[in-house]
Amino acid sequence: MKAGADMKITGKTLCVFVLLTVTKVMRTVGNKRLTAMVGDNFVLTCSHKSNITMLTWKISPEVGGPCTLGYRADNNLTHTNCTDSVNWKFRPNQHPALEIGQVGTAHEGNYTCETVATEGNFVATYYLTVLAPPTLTLFCDDHGNPVCKAVAGKPAAHLSWVPGGNFTLAQEGHDNGTVTVVSKLTANSANRTNTTCVLSHPAGTQSKSIACHPSNIIIYLTVSIILCFLSIIIVAIVYRFKFHSDRLCHKTKPPETAPTQDDSMEVEPYTTYVQKENVIYNSVSDLTAGHNFPQCLSPGT
């Protein structure tokens, strides 16, 4: 019994010793949360020790598969299966820093650095959050209502109006993890001279102002409709007046009669000629009636 009790005490002591040894050798830095902006170059640091025998970066992004970067001091070799955008900042034996070139939304996730050195084993873990600043646009719709858009933000932006009022809100997600938010003031709330849309986002705050005039749009549409109807009425009146005038002219015009022909004009030219010859003949007869011409010279011969 005594031997058994001694064995239990020895076993417990050994377990405590092993736990203390592991705790001393394996030093873990707490999980730190880091933030990077889309498009920036970002550097993650690791515990820098003088005598590193092996160094490994393990990357587990939220989108896509994991990858690793490794270094071994005994053969001074590095290996990686990560994309070109993730690489060593310096030579691993100089500084075990990791650099991400042109940060994108796909780089968001967990990053773990494991260092093996003469002082012991060290682990540093990070969670990288990638922010995409949205683009703010503000305009008036066809009804004169202000519409505010926060395009492609990560995370989704918060939109508000100054002065406040009733509004509708809609969100549209994109494949790259960004979100577009659309806010529109209602007709009752939009009838004011100046309206400001305020965008709140972890990447920063933006604001824009605009003045929409629904009444002017309604007046413009009303005037356009009235002018259109007036044009149609004027064209109809002109056409009717012209048609009526043509009918009056047609009724008052006298009927065309066949021209009367002069009886003398209907006589054939030959007949006229004969008549003139007869006239001459008669005139000569009248002149010679009172004279005694020889019979050979008389007109009858």
C-alpha atoms as a PDB file:
ATOM      1  CA  MET A   1       0.000   0.000   0.000  1.00  0.00           C
ATOM      2  CA  LYS A   2       2.782   2.330   0.914  1.00  0.00           C
ATOM      3  CA  ALA A   3       4.599   1.565  -2.321  1.00  0.00           C
ATOM      4  CA  GLY A   4       1.438   2.264  -4.269  1.00  0.00           C
ATOM      5  CA  ALA A   5       0.963   5.602  -2.535  1.00  0.00           C
ATOM      6  CA  ASP A   6       4.551   6.545  -3.255  1.00  0.00           C
ATOM      7  CA  MET A   7       4.011   5.729  -6.944  1.00  0.00           C
ATOM      8  CA  LYS A   8       0.955   7.995  -7.084  1.00  0.00           C
ATOM      9  CA  ILE A   9       2.858  10.853  -5.469  1.00  0.00           C
ATOM     10  CA  THR A  10       5.748  10.375  -7.883  1.00  0.00           C
ATOM     11  CA  GLY A  11       3.373  10.331 -10.877  1.00  0.00           C
ATOM     12  CA  LYS A  12       1.670  13.535  -9.803  1.00  0.00           C
ATOM     13  CA  THR A  13       4.995  15.235  -9.273  1.00  0.00           C
ATOM     14  CA  LEU A  14       6.143  14.183 -12.736  1.00  0.00           C
ATOM     15  CA  CYS A  15       2.956  15.516 -14.332  1.00  0.00           C
ATOM     16  CA  VAL A  16       3.361  18.870 -12.616  1.00  0.00           C
ATOM     17  CA  PHE A  17       6.995  19.021 -13.751  1.00  0.00           C
ATOM     18  CA  VAL A  18       6.044  18.281 -17.364  1.00  0.00           C
ATOM     19  CA  LEU A  19       3.300  20.910 -17.318  1.00  0.00           C
ATOM     20  CA  LEU A  20       5.674  23.489 -15.914  1.00  0.00           C
ATOM     21  CA  THR A  21       8.269  22.596 -18.528  1.00  0.00           C
ATOM     22  CA  VAL A  22       5.759  22.890 -21.367  1.00  0.00           C
ATOM     23  CA  THR A  23       4.514  26.182 -20.008  1.00  0.00           C
ATOM     24  CA  LYS A  24       8.056  27.495 -19.856  1.00  0.00           C
ATOM     25  CA  VAL A  25       9.065  26.259 -23.300  1.00  0.00           C
ATOM     26  CA  MET A  26       5.804  27.068 -25.162  1.00  0.00           C
ATOM     27  CA  ARG A  27       5.021  30.715 -24.697  1.00  0.00           C
ATOM     28  CA  THR A  28       1.901  31.902 -26.495  1.00  0.00           C
ATOM     29  CA  VAL A  29       1.095  35.498 -27.212  1.00  0.00           C
ATOM     30  CA  GLY A  30      -2.641  36.218 -26.974  1.00  0.00           C
ATOM     31  CA  ASN A  31      -4.851  36.481 -30.039  1.00  0.00           C
ATOM     32  CA  LYS A  32      -4.530  40.073 -31.223  1.00  0.00           C
ATOM     33  CA  ARG A  33      -7.038  41.753 -33.527  1.00  0.00           C
ATOM     34  CA  LEU A  34      -5.540  43.871 -36.276  1.00  0.00           C
ATOM     35  CA  THR A  35      -7.197  46.076 -38.889  1.00  0.00           C
ATOM     36  CA  ALA A  36      -6.035  46.790 -42.422  1.00  0.00           C
ATOM     37  CA  MET A  37      -7.497  48.926 -45.195  1.00  0.00           C
ATOM     38  CA  VAL A  38      -8.156  47.606 -48.682  1.00  0.00           C
ATOM     39  CA  GLY A  39      -5.274  48.516 -50.984  1.00  0.00           C
ATOM     40  CA  ASP A  40      -2.698  49.084 -48.235  1.00  0.00           C
ATOM     41  CA  ASN A  41       0.528  47.157 -47.586  1.00  0.00           C
ATOM     42  CA  PHE A  42       0.357  45.524 -44.172  1.00  0.00           C
ATOM     43  CA  VAL A  43       3.081  43.948 -42.011  1.00  0.00           C
ATOM     44  CA  LEU A  44       2.541  41.364 -39.236  1.00  0.00           C
ATOM     45  CA  THR A  45       5.388  40.918 -36.790  1.00  0.00           C
ATOM     46  CA  CYS A  46       6.491  37.829 -34.902  1.00  0.00           C
ATOM     47  CA  SER A  47       8.641  37.239 -31.822  1.00  0.00           C
ATOM     48  CA  HIS A  48      12.169  38.157 -32.859  1.00  0.00           C
ATOM     49  CA  LYS A  49      14.712  35.823 -31.302  1.00  0.00           C
ATOM     50  CA  SER A  50      18.458  35.728 -31.840  1.00  0.00           C
ATOM     51  CA  ASN A  51      18.845  32.004 -32.466  1.00  0.00           C
ATOM     52  CA  ILE A  52      15.861  30.822 -34.543  1.00  0.00           C
ATOM     53  CA  THR A  53      16.045  27.245 -35.724  1.00  0.00           C
ATOM     54  CA  MET A  54      12.611  27.077 -37.371  1.00  0.00           C
ATOM     55  CA  LEU A  55       9.898  29.598 -38.208  1.00  0.00           C
ATOM     56  CA  THR A  56       6.406  28.982 -39.640  1.00  0.00           C
ATOM     57  CA  TRP A  57       3.561  31.310 -40.581  1.00  0.00           C
ATOM     58  CA  LYS A  58       0.155  29.604 -40.810  1.00  0.00           C
ATOM     59  CA  ILE A  59      -2.586  31.548 -42.571  1.00  0.00           C
ATOM     60  CA  SER A  60      -6.275  30.591 -42.449  1.00  0.00           C
ATOM     61  CA  PRO A  61      -8.336  33.179 -44.382  1.00  0.00           C
ATOM     62  CA  GLU A  62     -12.093  33.453 -44.131  1.00  0.00           C
ATOM     63  CA  VAL A  63     -12.361  32.878 -47.892  1.00  0.00           C
ATOM     64  CA  GLY A  64     -10.242  30.259 -49.611  1.00  0.00           C
ATOM     65  CA  GLY A  65      -7.886  27.592 -48.347  1.00  0.00           C
ATOM     66  CA  PRO A  66      -5.039  27.878 -45.808  1.00  0.00           C
ATOM     67  CA  CYS A  67      -1.389  28.337 -46.697  1.00  0.00           C
ATOM     68  CA  THR A  68       1.998  28.377 -44.905  1.00  0.00           C
ATOM     69  CA  LEU A  69       5.381  30.046 -45.103  1.00  0.00           C
ATOM     70  CA  GLY A  70       8.273  28.135 -43.517  1.00  0.00           C
ATOM     71  CA  TYR A  71      11.964  28.628 -42.751  1.00  0.00           C
ATOM     72  CA  ARG A  72      14.616  26.260 -41.439  1.00  0.00           C
ATOM     73  CA  ALA A  73      17.926  27.616 -40.236  1.00  0.00           C
ATOM     74  CA  ASP A  74      19.868  24.360 -40.614  1.00  0.00           C
ATOM     75  CA  ASN A  75      19.675  24.475 -44.410  1.00  0.00           C
ATOM     76  CA  ASN A  76      18.725  28.185 -44.726  1.00  0.00           C
ATOM     77  CA  LEU A  77      15.734  27.356 -46.924  1.00  0.00           C
ATOM     78  CA  THR A  78      12.272  28.844 -47.156  1.00  0.00           C
ATOM     79  CA  HIS A  79       9.126  27.367 -48.621  1.00  0.00           C
ATOM     80  CA  THR A  80       5.606  28.661 -49.258  1.00  0.00           C
ATOM     81  CA  ASN A  81       2.361  27.709 -50.929  1.00  0.00           C
ATOM     82  CA  CYS A  82       0.764  31.135 -50.494  1.00  0.00           C
ATOM     83  CA  THR A  83       0.010  33.636 -53.227  1.00  0.00           C
ATOM     84  CA  ASP A  84       2.527  36.261 -54.293  1.00  0.00           C
ATOM     85  CA  SER A  85       0.709  38.903 -52.271  1.00  0.00           C
ATOM     86  CA  VAL A  86       1.806  37.203 -49.020  1.00  0.00           C
ATOM     87  CA  ASN A  87       5.551  36.900 -48.434  1.00  0.00           C
ATOM     88  CA  TRP A  88       8.420  37.606 -46.073  1.00  0.00           C
ATOM     89  CA  LYS A  89       9.099  41.229 -45.280  1.00  0.00           C
ATOM     90  CA  PHE A  90      12.814  40.514 -44.760  1.00  0.00           C
ATOM     91  CA  ARG A  91      14.940  37.402 -44.725  1.00  0.00           C
ATOM     92  CA  PRO A  92      13.498  35.160 -41.981  1.00  0.00           C
ATOM     93  CA  ASN A  93      16.849  34.906 -40.272  1.00  0.00           C
ATOM     94  CA  GLN A  94      16.951  38.692 -40.031  1.00  0.00           C
ATOM     95  CA  HIS A  95      13.363  39.396 -38.976  1.00  0.00           C
ATOM     96  CA  PRO A  96      10.378  37.012 -39.039  1.00  0.00           C
ATOM     97  CA  ALA A  97       7.890  39.599 -40.307  1.00  0.00           C
ATOM     98  CA  LEU A  98       5.145  38.834 -42.809  1.00  0.00           C
ATOM     99  CA  GLU A  99       4.053  41.375 -45.434  1.00  0.00           C
ATOM    100  CA  ILE A 100       0.751  41.499 -47.304  1.00  0.00           C
ATOM    101  CA  GLY A 101       0.955  43.575 -50.471  1.00  0.00           C
ATOM    102  CA  GLN A 102      -2.231  45.283 -51.689  1.00  0.00           C
ATOM    103  CA  VAL A 103      -4.564  44.058 -48.955  1.00  0.00           C
ATOM    104  CA  GLY A 104      -7.890  42.707 -50.218  1.00  0.00           C
ATOM    105  CA  THR A 105     -11.010  41.383 -48.581  1.00  0.00           C
ATOM    106  CA  ALA A 106      -9.760  37.816 -49.208  1.00  0.00           C
ATOM    107  CA  HIS A 107      -6.877  38.403 -46.772  1.00  0.00           C
ATOM    108  CA  GLU A 108      -9.177  38.611 -43.773  1.00  0.00           C
ATOM    109  CA  GLY A 109      -8.661  35.737 -41.325  1.00  0.00           C
ATOM    110  CA  ASN A 110      -6.298  34.128 -38.797  1.00  0.00           C
ATOM    111  CA  TYR A 111      -2.481  34.449 -38.900  1.00  0.00           C
ATOM    112  CA  THR A 112      -0.292  32.363 -36.614  1.00  0.00           C
ATOM    113  CA  CYS A 113       3.475  32.633 -36.217  1.00  0.00           C
ATOM    114  CA  GLU A 114       5.341  29.687 -34.619  1.00  0.00           C
ATOM    115  CA  THR A 115       8.963  30.249 -33.660  1.00  0.00           C
ATOM    116  CA  VAL A 116      11.426  27.615 -32.453  1.00  0.00           C
ATOM    117  CA  ALA A 117      14.536  29.122 -30.853  1.00  0.00           C
ATOM    118  CA  THR A 118      17.121  28.260 -28.206  1.00  0.00           C
ATOM    119  CA  GLU A 119      15.047  30.242 -25.681  1.00  0.00           C
ATOM    120  CA  GLY A 120      12.022  28.081 -26.337  1.00  0.00           C
ATOM    121  CA  ASN A 121       8.975  27.866 -28.582  1.00  0.00           C
ATOM    122  CA  PHE A 122       6.858  30.954 -29.162  1.00  0.00           C
ATOM    123  CA  VAL A 123       3.459  31.342 -30.790  1.00  0.00           C
ATOM    124  CA  ALA A 124       1.812  34.590 -31.855  1.00  0.00           C
ATOM    125  CA  THR A 125      -1.749  34.607 -33.235  1.00  0.00           C
ATOM    126  CA  TYR A 126      -3.568  37.437 -34.964  1.00  0.00           C
ATOM    127  CA  TYR A 127      -6.952  37.993 -36.497  1.00  0.00           C
ATOM    128  CA  LEU A 128      -6.818  40.434 -39.395  1.00  0.00           C
ATOM    129  CA  THR A 129      -9.949  42.433 -40.193  1.00  0.00           C
ATOM    130  CA  VAL A 130     -10.018  44.086 -43.606  1.00  0.00           C
ATOM    131  CA  LEU A 131     -11.962  47.319 -44.016  1.00  0.00           C
ATOM    132  CA  ALA A 132     -13.283  48.566 -47.357  1.00  0.00           C
ATOM    133  CA  PRO A 133     -14.255  52.258 -47.211  1.00  0.00           C
ATOM    134  CA  PRO A 134     -17.535  52.800 -49.078  1.00  0.00           C
ATOM    135  CA  THR A 135     -18.102  55.406 -51.765  1.00  0.00           C
ATOM    136  CA  LEU A 136     -20.806  57.950 -50.907  1.00  0.00           C
ATOM    137  CA  THR A 137     -23.204  59.210 -53.593  1.00  0.00           C
ATOM    138  CA  LEU A 138     -26.231  61.494 -53.181  1.00  0.00           C
ATOM    139  CA  PHE A 139     -28.813  62.445 -55.825  1.00  0.00           C
ATOM    140  CA  CYS A 140     -32.506  63.248 -56.394  1.00  0.00           C
ATOM    141  CA  ASP A 141     -34.739  60.622 -57.952  1.00  0.00           C
ATOM    142  CA  ASP A 142     -37.433  61.222 -60.582  1.00  0.00           C
ATOM    143  CA  HIS A 143     -39.947  62.173 -57.885  1.00  0.00           C
ATOM    144  CA  GLY A 144     -37.633  64.684 -56.205  1.00  0.00           C
ATOM    145  CA  ASN A 145     -36.712  62.476 -53.223  1.00  0.00           C
ATOM    146  CA  PRO A 146     -33.099  62.481 -51.953  1.00  0.00           C
ATOM    147  CA  VAL A 147     -31.361  59.111 -52.395  1.00  0.00           C
ATOM    148  CA  CYS A 148     -28.112  58.293 -50.554  1.00  0.00           C
ATOM    149  CA  LYS A 149     -25.840  55.354 -51.455  1.00  0.00           C
ATOM    150  CA  ALA A 150     -22.860  53.859 -49.620  1.00  0.00           C
ATOM    151  CA  VAL A 151     -21.323  51.673 -52.338  1.00  0.00           C
ATOM    152  CA  ALA A 152     -19.142  48.601 -51.674  1.00  0.00           C
ATOM    153  CA  GLY A 153     -18.336  49.056 -47.998  1.00  0.00           C
ATOM    154  CA  LYS A 154     -16.999  46.436 -45.587  1.00  0.00           C
ATOM    155  CA  PRO A 155     -18.614  46.169 -43.157  1.00  0.00           C
ATOM    156  CA  ALA A 156     -21.922  47.717 -44.192  1.00  0.00           C
ATOM    157  CA  ALA A 157     -22.062  51.466 -43.640  1.00  0.00           C
ATOM    158  CA  HIS A 158     -24.632  53.267 -41.494  1.00  0.00           C
ATOM    159  CA  LEU A 159     -26.583  56.081 -43.209  1.00  0.00           C
ATOM    160  CA  SER A 160     -28.507  58.856 -41.490  1.00  0.00           C
ATOM    161  CA  TRP A 161     -30.239  62.092 -42.543  1.00  0.00           C
ATOM    162  CA  VAL A 162     -29.937  65.631 -41.200  1.00  0.00           C
ATOM    163  CA  PRO A 163     -32.568  66.832 -40.512  1.00  0.00           C
ATOM    164  CA  GLY A 164     -34.115  63.483 -39.791  1.00  0.00           C
ATOM    165  CA  GLY A 165     -37.280  62.082 -41.321  1.00  0.00           C
ATOM    166  CA  ASN A 166     -38.969  58.953 -42.604  1.00  0.00           C
ATOM    167  CA  PHE A 167     -36.784  56.930 -44.971  1.00  0.00           C
ATOM    168  CA  THR A 168     -36.475  53.509 -46.561  1.00  0.00           C
ATOM    169  CA  LEU A 169     -33.337  51.378 -46.275  1.00  0.00           C
ATOM    170  CA  ALA A 170     -32.037  48.561 -48.495  1.00  0.00           C
ATOM    171  CA  GLN A 171     -28.812  46.522 -48.647  1.00  0.00           C
ATOM    172  CA  GLU A 172     -27.160  44.594 -51.456  1.00  0.00           C
ATOM    173  CA  GLY A 173     -24.303  42.150 -50.817  1.00  0.00           C
ATOM    174  CA  HIS A 174     -21.484  41.525 -53.295  1.00  0.00           C
ATOM    175  CA  ASP A 175     -19.324  38.485 -54.002  1.00  0.00           C
ATOM    176  CA  ASN A 176     -16.199  40.099 -52.536  1.00  0.00           C
ATOM    177  CA  GLY A 177     -17.834  40.552 -49.129  1.00  0.00           C
ATOM    178  CA  THR A 178     -18.679  44.235 -49.521  1.00  0.00           C
ATOM    179  CA  VAL A 179     -22.167  45.677 -49.057  1.00  0.00           C
ATOM    180  CA  THR A 180     -23.987  48.560 -50.756  1.00  0.00           C
ATOM    181  CA  VAL A 181     -26.507  50.433 -48.609  1.00  0.00           C
ATOM    182  CA  VAL A 182     -29.254  52.621 -50.131  1.00  0.00           C
ATOM    183  CA  SER A 183     -31.373  55.060 -48.115  1.00  0.00           C
ATOM    184  CA  LYS A 184     -34.180  57.225 -49.550  1.00  0.00           C
ATOM    185  CA  LEU A 185     -36.221  59.914 -47.827  1.00  0.00           C
ATOM    186  CA  THR A 186     -39.969  59.680 -48.300  1.00  0.00           C
ATOM    187  CA  ALA A 187     -41.957  62.345 -50.138  1.00  0.00           C
ATOM    188  CA  ASN A 188     -43.264  63.990 -46.950  1.00  0.00           C
ATOM    189  CA  SER A 189     -39.798  64.232 -45.411  1.00  0.00           C
ATOM    190  CA  ALA A 190     -38.037  65.408 -48.562  1.00  0.00           C
ATOM    191  CA  ASN A 191     -39.913  68.684 -49.005  1.00  0.00           C
ATOM    192  CA  ARG A 192     -37.183  70.899 -47.620  1.00  0.00           C
ATOM    193  CA  THR A 193     -34.550  73.210 -49.030  1.00  0.00           C
ATOM    194  CA  ASN A 194     -31.404  71.326 -48.001  1.00  0.00           C
ATOM    195  CA  THR A 195     -30.803  67.721 -46.862  1.00  0.00           C
ATOM    196  CA  THR A 196     -27.565  66.101 -45.659  1.00  0.00           C
ATOM    197  CA  CYS A 197     -26.701  62.398 -45.773  1.00  0.00           C
ATOM    198  CA  VAL A 198     -24.180  61.254 -43.158  1.00  0.00           C
ATOM    199  CA  LEU A 199     -22.194  58.026 -43.686  1.00  0.00           C
ATOM    200  CA  SER A 200     -20.686  56.346 -40.618  1.00  0.00           C
ATOM    201  CA  HIS A 201     -18.111  53.576 -41.098  1.00  0.00           C
ATOM    202  CA  PRO A 202     -15.079  52.195 -39.221  1.00  0.00           C
ATOM    203  CA  ALA A 203     -12.940  53.500 -42.089  1.00  0.00           C
ATOM    204  CA  GLY A 204     -14.212  57.059 -41.537  1.00  0.00           C
ATOM    205  CA  THR A 205     -17.187  59.417 -41.671  1.00  0.00           C
ATOM    206  CA  GLN A 206     -18.435  61.205 -44.779  1.00  0.00           C
ATOM    207  CA  SER A 207     -21.315  63.555 -45.563  1.00  0.00           C
ATOM    208  CA  LYS A 208     -22.921  65.221 -48.572  1.00  0.00           C
ATOM    209  CA  SER A 209     -25.776  67.721 -48.962  1.00  0.00           C
ATOM    210  CA  ILE A 210     -28.334  68.267 -51.694  1.00  0.00           C
ATOM    211  CA  ALA A 211     -31.478  70.328 -52.317  1.00  0.00           C
ATOM    212  CA  CYS A 212     -34.330  68.518 -54.097  1.00  0.00           C
ATOM    213  CA  HIS A 213     -37.438  70.385 -55.259  1.00  0.00           C
ATOM    214  CA  PRO A 214     -40.362  68.069 -55.945  1.00  0.00           C
ATOM    215  CA  SER A 215     -42.702  71.014 -56.662  1.00  0.00           C
ATOM    216  CA  ASN A 216     -40.517  72.234 -59.536  1.00  0.00           C
ATOM    217  CA  ILE A 217     -40.551  68.814 -61.091  1.00  0.00           C
ATOM    218  CA  ILE A 218     -44.340  68.601 -60.824  1.00  0.00           C
ATOM    219  CA  ILE A 219     -44.713  72.065 -62.343  1.00  0.00           C
ATOM    220  CA  TYR A 220     -42.356  71.144 -65.162  1.00  0.00           C
ATOM    221  CA  LEU A 221     -44.325  68.006 -65.928  1.00  0.00           C
ATOM    222  CA  THR A 222     -47.645  69.872 -65.712  1.00  0.00           C
ATOM    223  CA  VAL A 223     -46.452  72.647 -68.030  1.00  0.00           C
ATOM    224  CA  SER A 224     -45.116  70.090 -70.486  1.00  0.00           C
ATOM    225  CA  ILE A 225     -48.458  68.255 -70.562  1.00  0.00           C
ATOM    226  CA  ILE A 226     -50.406  71.524 -70.988  1.00  0.00           C
ATOM    227  CA  LEU A 227     -48.151  72.679 -73.828  1.00  0.00           C
ATOM    228  CA  CYS A 228     -48.558  69.323 -75.517  1.00  0.00           C
ATOM    229  CA  PHE A 229     -52.348  69.536 -75.352  1.00  0.00           C
ATOM    230  CA  LEU A 230     -52.321  73.155 -76.553  1.00  0.00           C
ATOM    231  CA  SER A 231     -50.201  72.168 -79.529  1.00  0.00           C
ATOM    232  CA  ILE A 232     -52.657  69.436 -80.435  1.00  0.00           C
ATOM    233  CA  ILE A 233     -55.620  71.828 -80.116  1.00  0.00           C
ATOM    234  CA  ILE A 234     -53.948  74.521 -82.248  1.00  0.00           C
ATOM    235  CA  VAL A 235     -53.116  72.014 -84.970  1.00  0.00           C
ATOM    236  CA  ALA A 236     -56.722  70.736 -84.930  1.00  0.00           C
ATOM    237  CA  ILE A 237     -58.139  74.296 -85.185  1.00  0.00           C
ATOM    238  CA  VAL A 238     -55.847  75.204 -88.074  1.00  0.00           C
ATOM    239  CA  TYR A 239     -56.723  72.033 -89.908  1.00  0.00           C
ATOM    240  CA  ARG A 240     -60.470  72.557 -89.378  1.00  0.00           C
ATOM    241  CA  PHE A 241     -60.313  76.201 -90.513  1.00  0.00           C
ATOM    242  CA  LYS A 242     -58.421  75.262 -93.661  1.00  0.00           C
ATOM    243  CA  PHE A 243     -60.852  72.455 -94.443  1.00  0.00           C
ATOM    244  CA  HIS A 244     -63.872  74.766 -93.923  1.00  0.00           C
ATOM    245  CA  SER A 245     -62.328  77.475 -96.120  1.00  0.00           C
ATOM    246  CA  ASP A 246     -61.800  74.990 -98.942  1.00  0.00           C
ATOM    247  CA  ARG A 247     -65.463  73.957 -98.766  1.00  0.00           C
ATOM    248  CA  LEU A 248     -66.690  77.602 -98.900  1.00  0.00           C
ATOM    249  CA  CYS A 249     -64.541  78.340-101.910  1.00  0.00           C
ATOM    250  CA  HIS A 250     -65.886  75.266-103.635  1.00  0.00           C
ATOM    251  CA  LYS A 251     -69.523  76.306-103.021  1.00  0.00           C
ATOM    252  CA  THR A 252     -69.206  79.994-104.120  1.00  0.00           C
ATOM    253  CA  LYS A 253     -67.328  79.327-107.346  1.00  0.00           C
ATOM    254  CA  PRO A 254     -69.742  79.857-110.405  1.00  0.00           C
ATOM    255  CA  PRO A 255     -70.340  76.880-112.639  1.00  0.00           C
ATOM    256  CA  GLU A 256     -68.280  76.796-115.728  1.00  0.00           C
ATOM    257  CA  THR A 257     -70.364  77.301-118.952  1.00  0.00           C
ATOM    258  CA  ALA A 258     -69.369  76.402-122.433  1.00  0.00           C
ATOM    259  CA  PRO A 259     -68.201  79.495-124.354  1.00  0.00           C
ATOM    260  CA  THR A 260     -70.687  80.863-126.928  1.00  0.00           C
ATOM    261  CA  GLN A 261     -69.446  80.816-130.447  1.00  0.00           C
ATOM    262  CA  ASP A 262     -70.003  83.686-132.911  1.00  0.00           C
ATOM    263  CA  ASP A 263     -72.028  82.700-135.969  1.00  0.00           C
ATOM    264  CA  SER A 264     -69.690  84.588-138.137  1.00  0.00           C
ATOM    265  CA  MET A 265     -66.753  82.741-136.650  1.00  0.00           C
ATOM    266  CA  GLU A 266     -68.394  79.427-137.397  1.00  0.00           C
ATOM    267  CA  VAL A 267     -68.477  80.218-141.121  1.00  0.00           C
ATOM    268  CA  GLU A 268     -65.834  78.442-143.039  1.00  0.00           C
ATOM    269  CA  PRO A 269     -62.983  80.600-144.315  1.00  0.00           C
ATOM    270  CA  TYR A 270     -63.847  79.721-147.897  1.00  0.00           C
ATOM    271  CA  THR A 271     -67.375  81.003-147.446  1.00  0.00           C
ATOM    272  CA  THR A 272     -66.081  84.289-146.079  1.00  0.00           C
ATOM    273  CA  TYR A 273     -63.741  84.634-148.942  1.00  0.00           C
ATOM    274  CA  VAL A 274     -66.532  84.013-151.408  1.00  0.00           C
ATOM    275  CA  GLN A 275     -68.662  86.609-149.696  1.00  0.00           C
ATOM    276  CA  LYS A 276     -65.872  89.179-149.932  1.00  0.00           C
ATOM    277  CA  GLU A 277     -65.419  88.409-153.568  1.00  0.00           C
ATOM    278  CA  ASN A 278     -69.089  88.966-154.081  1.00  0.00           C
ATOM    279  CA  VAL A 279     -68.851  92.282-152.279  1.00  0.00           C
ATOM    280  CA  ILE A 280     -66.078  93.418-154.586  1.00  0.00           C
ATOM    281  CA  TYR A 281     -67.966  92.230-157.575  1.00  0.00           C
ATOM    282  CA  ASN A 282     -71.021  94.126-156.469  1.00  0.00           C
ATOM    283  CA  SER A 283     -68.977  97.274-155.902  1.00  0.00           C
ATOM    284  CA  VAL A 284     -67.544  97.154-159.406  1.00  0.00           C
ATOM    285  CA  SER A 285     -70.974  96.644-160.864  1.00  0.00           C
ATOM    286  CA  ASP A 286     -72.203  99.670-159.042  1.00  0.00           C
ATOM    287  CA  LEU A 287     -69.362 101.774-160.399  1.00  0.00           C
ATOM    288  CA  THR A 288     -69.805 100.692-164.036  1.00  0.00           C
ATOM    289  CA  ALA A 289     -73.528 100.754-164.097  1.00  0.00           C
ATOM    290  CA  GLY A 290     -73.755 104.324-165.329  1.00  0.00           C
ATOM    291  CA  HIS A 291     -71.047 104.122-168.053  1.00  0.00           C
ATOM    292  CA  ASN A 292     -71.268 102.802-171.614  1.00  0.00           C
ATOM    293  CA  PHE A 293     -68.323 100.471-172.075  1.00  0.00           C
ATOM    294  CA  PRO A 294     -67.745  98.572-175.173  1.00  0.00           C
ATOM    295  CA  GLN A 295     -69.285  95.209-175.068  1.00  0.00           C
ATOM    296  CA  CYS A 296     -65.897  93.512-175.001  1.00  0.00           C
ATOM    297  CA  LEU A 297     -64.886  95.483-171.933  1.00  0.00           C
ATOM    298  CA  SER A 298     -68.043  95.179-170.056  1.00  0.00           C
ATOM    299  CA  PRO A 299     -67.789  93.289-166.839  1.00  0.00           C
ATOM    300  CA  GLY A 300     -70.119  90.674-168.046  1.00  0.00           C
ATOM    301  CA  THR A 301     -67.712  89.629-170.806  1.00  0.00           C
END
